[in-house]
Amino acid sequence: MKVTECDNNYAITTQNLALSMTKAGASANTFGVSMEKLLGDTTAITTATRESGSVVGKNVAA
């Protein structure tokens, strides 16, 4: 539901969110980052940079 809300309210697609969270999910979990925080960071970065979810996910996880 939260992914759909971001898709509806911001300039990001569900596909880009899913790609980014797939790339960054394990690292985020290791460092105790919540799904909501990761979703918010991914949405903000993707909206600002217009990069793909795959690129953002690699950079968020780094």
PDB file of N, CA and C in Angstrom:
ATOM      1  N   MET A   1       0.804  -1.191   0.000  1.00  0.00           N
ATOM      2  CA  MET A   1       0.000   0.000   0.000  1.00  0.00           C
ATOM      3  C   MET A   1       0.855   1.267   0.000  1.00  0.00           C
ATOM      4  N   LYS A   2       1.914   1.277   0.779  1.00  0.00           N
ATOM      5  CA  LYS A   2       2.757   2.467   0.868  1.00  0.00           C
ATOM      6  C   LYS A   2       3.455   2.743  -0.457  1.00  0.00           C
ATOM      7  N   VAL A   3       3.832   1.673  -1.156  1.00  0.00           N
ATOM      8  CA  VAL A   3       4.469   1.838  -2.462  1.00  0.00           C
ATOM      9  C   VAL A   3       3.490   2.481  -3.433  1.00  0.00           C
ATOM     10  N   THR A   4       2.258   2.029  -3.414  1.00  0.00           N
ATOM     11  CA  THR A   4       1.230   2.591  -4.290  1.00  0.00           C
ATOM     12  C   THR A   4       0.966   4.057  -3.954  1.00  0.00           C
ATOM     13  N   GLU A   5       0.980   4.398  -2.672  1.00  0.00           N
ATOM     14  CA  GLU A   5       0.786   5.792  -2.275  1.00  0.00           C
ATOM     15  C   GLU A   5       1.891   6.681  -2.828  1.00  0.00           C
ATOM     16  N   CYS A   6       3.126   6.211  -2.783  1.00  0.00           N
ATOM     17  CA  CYS A   6       4.244   6.987  -3.337  1.00  0.00           C
ATOM     18  C   CYS A   6       4.081   7.131  -4.848  1.00  0.00           C
ATOM     19  N   ASP A   7       3.693   6.050  -5.500  1.00  0.00           N
ATOM     20  CA  ASP A   7       3.460   6.072  -6.941  1.00  0.00           C
ATOM     21  C   ASP A   7       2.390   7.110  -7.286  1.00  0.00           C
ATOM     22  N   ASN A   8       1.328   7.140  -6.519  1.00  0.00           N
ATOM     23  CA  ASN A   8       0.221   8.058  -6.797  1.00  0.00           C
ATOM     24  C   ASN A   8       0.540   9.513  -6.475  1.00  0.00           C
ATOM     25  N   ASN A   9       1.391   9.755  -5.484  1.00  0.00           N
ATOM     26  CA  ASN A   9       1.612  11.111  -4.996  1.00  0.00           C
ATOM     27  C   ASN A   9       2.907  11.768  -5.458  1.00  0.00           C
ATOM     28  N   TYR A  10       3.830  11.008  -5.999  1.00  0.00           N
ATOM     29  CA  TYR A  10       5.129  11.556  -6.400  1.00  0.00           C
ATOM     30  C   TYR A  10       5.495  11.074  -7.798  1.00  0.00           C
ATOM     31  N   ALA A  11       6.480  11.712  -8.381  1.00  0.00           N
ATOM     32  CA  ALA A  11       6.902  11.376  -9.741  1.00  0.00           C
ATOM     33  C   ALA A  11       7.824  10.160  -9.728  1.00  0.00           C
ATOM     34  N   ILE A  12       7.258   9.018  -9.353  1.00  0.00           N
ATOM     35  CA  ILE A  12       8.011   7.774  -9.310  1.00  0.00           C
ATOM     36  C   ILE A  12       7.038   6.636  -9.593  1.00  0.00           C
ATOM     37  N   THR A  13       7.533   5.592 -10.219  1.00  0.00           N
ATOM     38  CA  THR A  13       6.667   4.457 -10.526  1.00  0.00           C
ATOM     39  C   THR A  13       6.876   3.344  -9.508  1.00  0.00           C
ATOM     40  N   THR A  14       5.877   2.498  -9.396  1.00  0.00           N
ATOM     41  CA  THR A  14       5.976   1.337  -8.521  1.00  0.00           C
ATOM     42  C   THR A  14       7.137   0.456  -8.949  1.00  0.00           C
ATOM     43  N   GLN A  15       7.353   0.341 -10.240  1.00  0.00           N
ATOM     44  CA  GLN A  15       8.457  -0.479 -10.756  1.00  0.00           C
ATOM     45  C   GLN A  15       9.804   0.065 -10.287  1.00  0.00           C
ATOM     46  N   ASN A  16      10.007   1.375 -10.374  1.00  0.00           N
ATOM     47  CA  ASN A  16      11.266   1.965  -9.915  1.00  0.00           C
ATOM     48  C   ASN A  16      11.446   1.788  -8.410  1.00  0.00           C
ATOM     49  N   LEU A  17      10.378   1.931  -7.651  1.00  0.00           N
ATOM     50  CA  LEU A  17      10.466   1.706  -6.209  1.00  0.00           C
ATOM     51  C   LEU A  17      10.857   0.263  -5.909  1.00  0.00           C
ATOM     52  N   ALA A  18      10.231  -0.663  -6.596  1.00  0.00           N
ATOM     53  CA  ALA A  18      10.525  -2.079  -6.371  1.00  0.00           C
ATOM     54  C   ALA A  18      11.966  -2.409  -6.740  1.00  0.00           C
ATOM     55  N   LEU A  19      12.446  -1.897  -7.858  1.00  0.00           N
ATOM     56  CA  LEU A  19      13.833  -2.141  -8.266  1.00  0.00           C
ATOM     57  C   LEU A  19      14.815  -1.590  -7.238  1.00  0.00           C
ATOM     58  N   SER A  20      14.579  -0.378  -6.805  1.00  0.00           N
ATOM     59  CA  SER A  20      15.473   0.248  -5.841  1.00  0.00           C
ATOM     60  C   SER A  20      15.478  -0.496  -4.513  1.00  0.00           C
ATOM     61  N   MET A  21      14.301  -0.837  -4.033  1.00  0.00           N
ATOM     62  CA  MET A  21      14.218  -1.516  -2.748  1.00  0.00           C
ATOM     63  C   MET A  21      14.786  -2.930  -2.818  1.00  0.00           C
ATOM     64  N   THR A  22      14.691  -3.560  -3.976  1.00  0.00           N
ATOM     65  CA  THR A  22      15.301  -4.876  -4.159  1.00  0.00           C
ATOM     66  C   THR A  22      16.818  -4.774  -4.063  1.00  0.00           C
ATOM     67  N   LYS A  23      17.382  -3.760  -4.692  1.00  0.00           N
ATOM     68  CA  LYS A  23      18.834  -3.566  -4.669  1.00  0.00           C
ATOM     69  C   LYS A  23      19.340  -3.183  -3.277  1.00  0.00           C
ATOM     70  N   ALA A  24      18.604  -2.324  -2.577  1.00  0.00           N
ATOM     71  CA  ALA A  24      19.087  -1.777  -1.312  1.00  0.00           C
ATOM     72  C   ALA A  24      18.539  -2.492  -0.076  1.00  0.00           C
ATOM     73  N   GLY A  25      17.572  -3.358  -0.261  1.00  0.00           N
ATOM     74  CA  GLY A  25      16.867  -3.967   0.863  1.00  0.00           C
ATOM     75  C   GLY A  25      17.744  -4.705   1.854  1.00  0.00           C
ATOM     76  N   ALA A  26      18.640  -5.559   1.375  1.00  0.00           N
ATOM     77  CA  ALA A  26      19.485  -6.349   2.276  1.00  0.00           C
ATOM     78  C   ALA A  26      20.413  -5.445   3.088  1.00  0.00           C
ATOM     79  N   SER A  27      21.003  -4.470   2.428  1.00  0.00           N
ATOM     80  CA  SER A  27      21.890  -3.545   3.144  1.00  0.00           C
ATOM     81  C   SER A  27      21.114  -2.724   4.160  1.00  0.00           C
ATOM     82  N   ALA A  28      19.940  -2.266   3.775  1.00  0.00           N
ATOM     83  CA  ALA A  28      19.110  -1.487   4.696  1.00  0.00           C
ATOM     84  C   ALA A  28      18.756  -2.318   5.921  1.00  0.00           C
ATOM     85  N   ASN A  29      18.398  -3.562   5.701  1.00  0.00           N
ATOM     86  CA  ASN A  29      18.047  -4.454   6.808  1.00  0.00           C
ATOM     87  C   ASN A  29      19.237  -4.670   7.738  1.00  0.00           C
ATOM     88  N   THR A  30      20.411  -4.859   7.168  1.00  0.00           N
ATOM     89  CA  THR A  30      21.625  -5.067   7.952  1.00  0.00           C
ATOM     90  C   THR A  30      21.895  -3.888   8.885  1.00  0.00           C
ATOM     91  N   PHE A  31      21.630  -2.683   8.407  1.00  0.00           N
ATOM     92  CA  PHE A  31      21.905  -1.483   9.189  1.00  0.00           C
ATOM     93  C   PHE A  31      20.695  -0.965   9.958  1.00  0.00           C
ATOM     94  N   GLY A  32      19.617  -1.748   9.993  1.00  0.00           N
ATOM     95  CA  GLY A  32      18.458  -1.390  10.785  1.00  0.00           C
ATOM     96  C   GLY A  32      17.583  -0.290  10.212  1.00  0.00           C
ATOM     97  N   VAL A  33      17.647  -0.095   8.910  1.00  0.00           N
ATOM     98  CA  VAL A  33      16.828   0.925   8.256  1.00  0.00           C
ATOM     99  C   VAL A  33      15.437   0.341   8.018  1.00  0.00           C
ATOM    100  N   SER A  34      14.415   1.051   8.421  1.00  0.00           N
ATOM    101  CA  SER A  34      13.046   0.559   8.252  1.00  0.00           C
ATOM    102  C   SER A  34      12.628   0.625   6.786  1.00  0.00           C
ATOM    103  N   MET A  35      11.597  -0.153   6.456  1.00  0.00           N
ATOM    104  CA  MET A  35      11.074  -0.124   5.098  1.00  0.00           C
ATOM    105  C   MET A  35      10.538   1.265   4.765  1.00  0.00           C
ATOM    106  N   GLU A  36       9.920   1.917   5.733  1.00  0.00           N
ATOM    107  CA  GLU A  36       9.371   3.250   5.502  1.00  0.00           C
ATOM    108  C   GLU A  36      10.474   4.265   5.206  1.00  0.00           C
ATOM    109  N   LYS A  37      11.572   4.186   5.949  1.00  0.00           N
ATOM    110  CA  LYS A  37      12.709   5.096   5.720  1.00  0.00           C
ATOM    111  C   LYS A  37      13.316   4.841   4.348  1.00  0.00           C
ATOM    112  N   LEU A  38      13.502   3.570   4.001  1.00  0.00           N
ATOM    113  CA  LEU A  38      14.062   3.229   2.691  1.00  0.00           C
ATOM    114  C   LEU A  38      13.142   3.698   1.581  1.00  0.00           C
ATOM    115  N   LEU A  39      11.855   3.506   1.747  1.00  0.00           N
ATOM    116  CA  LEU A  39      10.880   3.947   0.757  1.00  0.00           C
ATOM    117  C   LEU A  39      10.913   5.466   0.601  1.00  0.00           C
ATOM    118  N   GLY A  40      10.979   6.180   1.705  1.00  0.00           N
ATOM    119  CA  GLY A  40      11.043   7.641   1.654  1.00  0.00           C
ATOM    120  C   GLY A  40      12.312   8.141   0.995  1.00  0.00           C
ATOM    121  N   ASP A  41      13.446   7.553   1.375  1.00  0.00           N
ATOM    122  CA  ASP A  41      14.721   7.964   0.769  1.00  0.00           C
ATOM    123  C   ASP A  41      14.730   7.672  -0.725  1.00  0.00           C
ATOM    124  N   THR A  42      14.254   6.494  -1.091  1.00  0.00           N
ATOM    125  CA  THR A  42      14.213   6.109  -2.501  1.00  0.00           C
ATOM    126  C   THR A  42      13.322   7.058  -3.294  1.00  0.00           C
ATOM    127  N   THR A  43      12.169   7.385  -2.748  1.00  0.00           N
ATOM    128  CA  THR A  43      11.240   8.293  -3.429  1.00  0.00           C
ATOM    129  C   THR A  43      11.873   9.671  -3.604  1.00  0.00           C
ATOM    130  N   ALA A  44      12.478  10.183  -2.552  1.00  0.00           N
ATOM    131  CA  ALA A  44      13.092  11.515  -2.620  1.00  0.00           C
ATOM    132  C   ALA A  44      14.240  11.563  -3.625  1.00  0.00           C
ATOM    133  N   ILE A  45      15.109  10.577  -3.582  1.00  0.00           N
ATOM    134  CA  ILE A  45      16.272  10.575  -4.474  1.00  0.00           C
ATOM    135  C   ILE A  45      15.847  10.388  -5.926  1.00  0.00           C
ATOM    136  N   THR A  46      14.928   9.458  -6.163  1.00  0.00           N
ATOM    137  CA  THR A  46      14.483   9.200  -7.532  1.00  0.00           C
ATOM    138  C   THR A  46      13.745  10.400  -8.104  1.00  0.00           C
ATOM    139  N   THR A  47      12.924  11.039  -7.303  1.00  0.00           N
ATOM    140  CA  THR A  47      12.189  12.214  -7.761  1.00  0.00           C
ATOM    141  C   THR A  47      13.146  13.365  -8.087  1.00  0.00           C
ATOM    142  N   ALA A  48      14.160  13.543  -7.265  1.00  0.00           N
ATOM    143  CA  ALA A  48      15.101  14.653  -7.473  1.00  0.00           C
ATOM    144  C   ALA A  48      16.063  14.411  -8.631  1.00  0.00           C
ATOM    145  N   THR A  49      16.521  13.175  -8.786  1.00  0.00           N
ATOM    146  CA  THR A  49      17.554  12.896  -9.782  1.00  0.00           C
ATOM    147  C   THR A  49      17.026  12.346 -11.094  1.00  0.00           C
ATOM    148  N   ARG A  50      15.830  11.770 -11.064  1.00  0.00           N
ATOM    149  CA  ARG A  50      15.232  11.126 -12.234  1.00  0.00           C
ATOM    150  C   ARG A  50      16.032   9.904 -12.704  1.00  0.00           C
ATOM    151  N   GLU A  51      16.834   9.341 -11.810  1.00  0.00           N
ATOM    152  CA  GLU A  51      17.562   8.109 -12.116  1.00  0.00           C
ATOM    153  C   GLU A  51      16.609   6.923 -12.001  1.00  0.00           C
ATOM    154  N   SER A  52      16.985   5.806 -12.587  1.00  0.00           N
ATOM    155  CA  SER A  52      16.158   4.607 -12.498  1.00  0.00           C
ATOM    156  C   SER A  52      16.219   4.030 -11.089  1.00  0.00           C
ATOM    157  N   GLY A  53      15.265   3.201 -10.768  1.00  0.00           N
ATOM    158  CA  GLY A  53      15.245   2.554  -9.467  1.00  0.00           C
ATOM    159  C   GLY A  53      16.462   1.693  -9.228  1.00  0.00           C
ATOM    160  N   SER A  54      16.958   1.067 -10.274  1.00  0.00           N
ATOM    161  CA  SER A  54      18.141   0.226 -10.152  1.00  0.00           C
ATOM    162  C   SER A  54      19.373   1.042  -9.752  1.00  0.00           C
ATOM    163  N   VAL A  55      19.542   2.192 -10.375  1.00  0.00           N
ATOM    164  CA  VAL A  55      20.683   3.057 -10.059  1.00  0.00           C
ATOM    165  C   VAL A  55      20.556   3.625  -8.655  1.00  0.00           C
ATOM    166  N   VAL A  56      19.386   4.090  -8.292  1.00  0.00           N
ATOM    167  CA  VAL A  56      19.176   4.641  -6.962  1.00  0.00           C
ATOM    168  C   VAL A  56      19.392   3.572  -5.897  1.00  0.00           C
ATOM    169  N   GLY A  57      18.893   2.377  -6.143  1.00  0.00           N
ATOM    170  CA  GLY A  57      19.063   1.287  -5.176  1.00  0.00           C
ATOM    171  C   GLY A  57      20.512   0.945  -4.913  1.00  0.00           C
ATOM    172  N   LYS A  58      21.322   0.979  -5.955  1.00  0.00           N
ATOM    173  CA  LYS A  58      22.763   0.709  -5.766  1.00  0.00           C
ATOM    174  C   LYS A  58      23.401   1.803  -4.944  1.00  0.00           C
ATOM    175  N   ASN A  59      23.008   3.056  -5.166  1.00  0.00           N
ATOM    176  CA  ASN A  59      23.601   4.179  -4.451  1.00  0.00           C
ATOM    177  C   ASN A  59      23.096   4.312  -3.029  1.00  0.00           C
ATOM    178  N   VAL A  60      21.842   3.989  -2.783  1.00  0.00           N
ATOM    179  CA  VAL A  60      21.297   4.027  -1.428  1.00  0.00           C
ATOM    180  C   VAL A  60      21.976   2.979  -0.576  1.00  0.00           C
ATOM    181  N   ALA A  61      22.242   1.824  -1.171  1.00  0.00           N
ATOM    182  CA  ALA A  61      22.848   0.719  -0.433  1.00  0.00           C
ATOM    183  C   ALA A  61      24.329   0.936  -0.170  1.00  0.00           C
ATOM    184  N   ALA A  62      24.963   1.799  -0.928  1.00  0.00           N
ATOM    185  CA  ALA A  62      26.421   1.992  -0.784  1.00  0.00           C
ATOM    186  C   ALA A  62      26.772   2.766   0.451  1.00  0.00           C
TER     187      ALA A  62
END
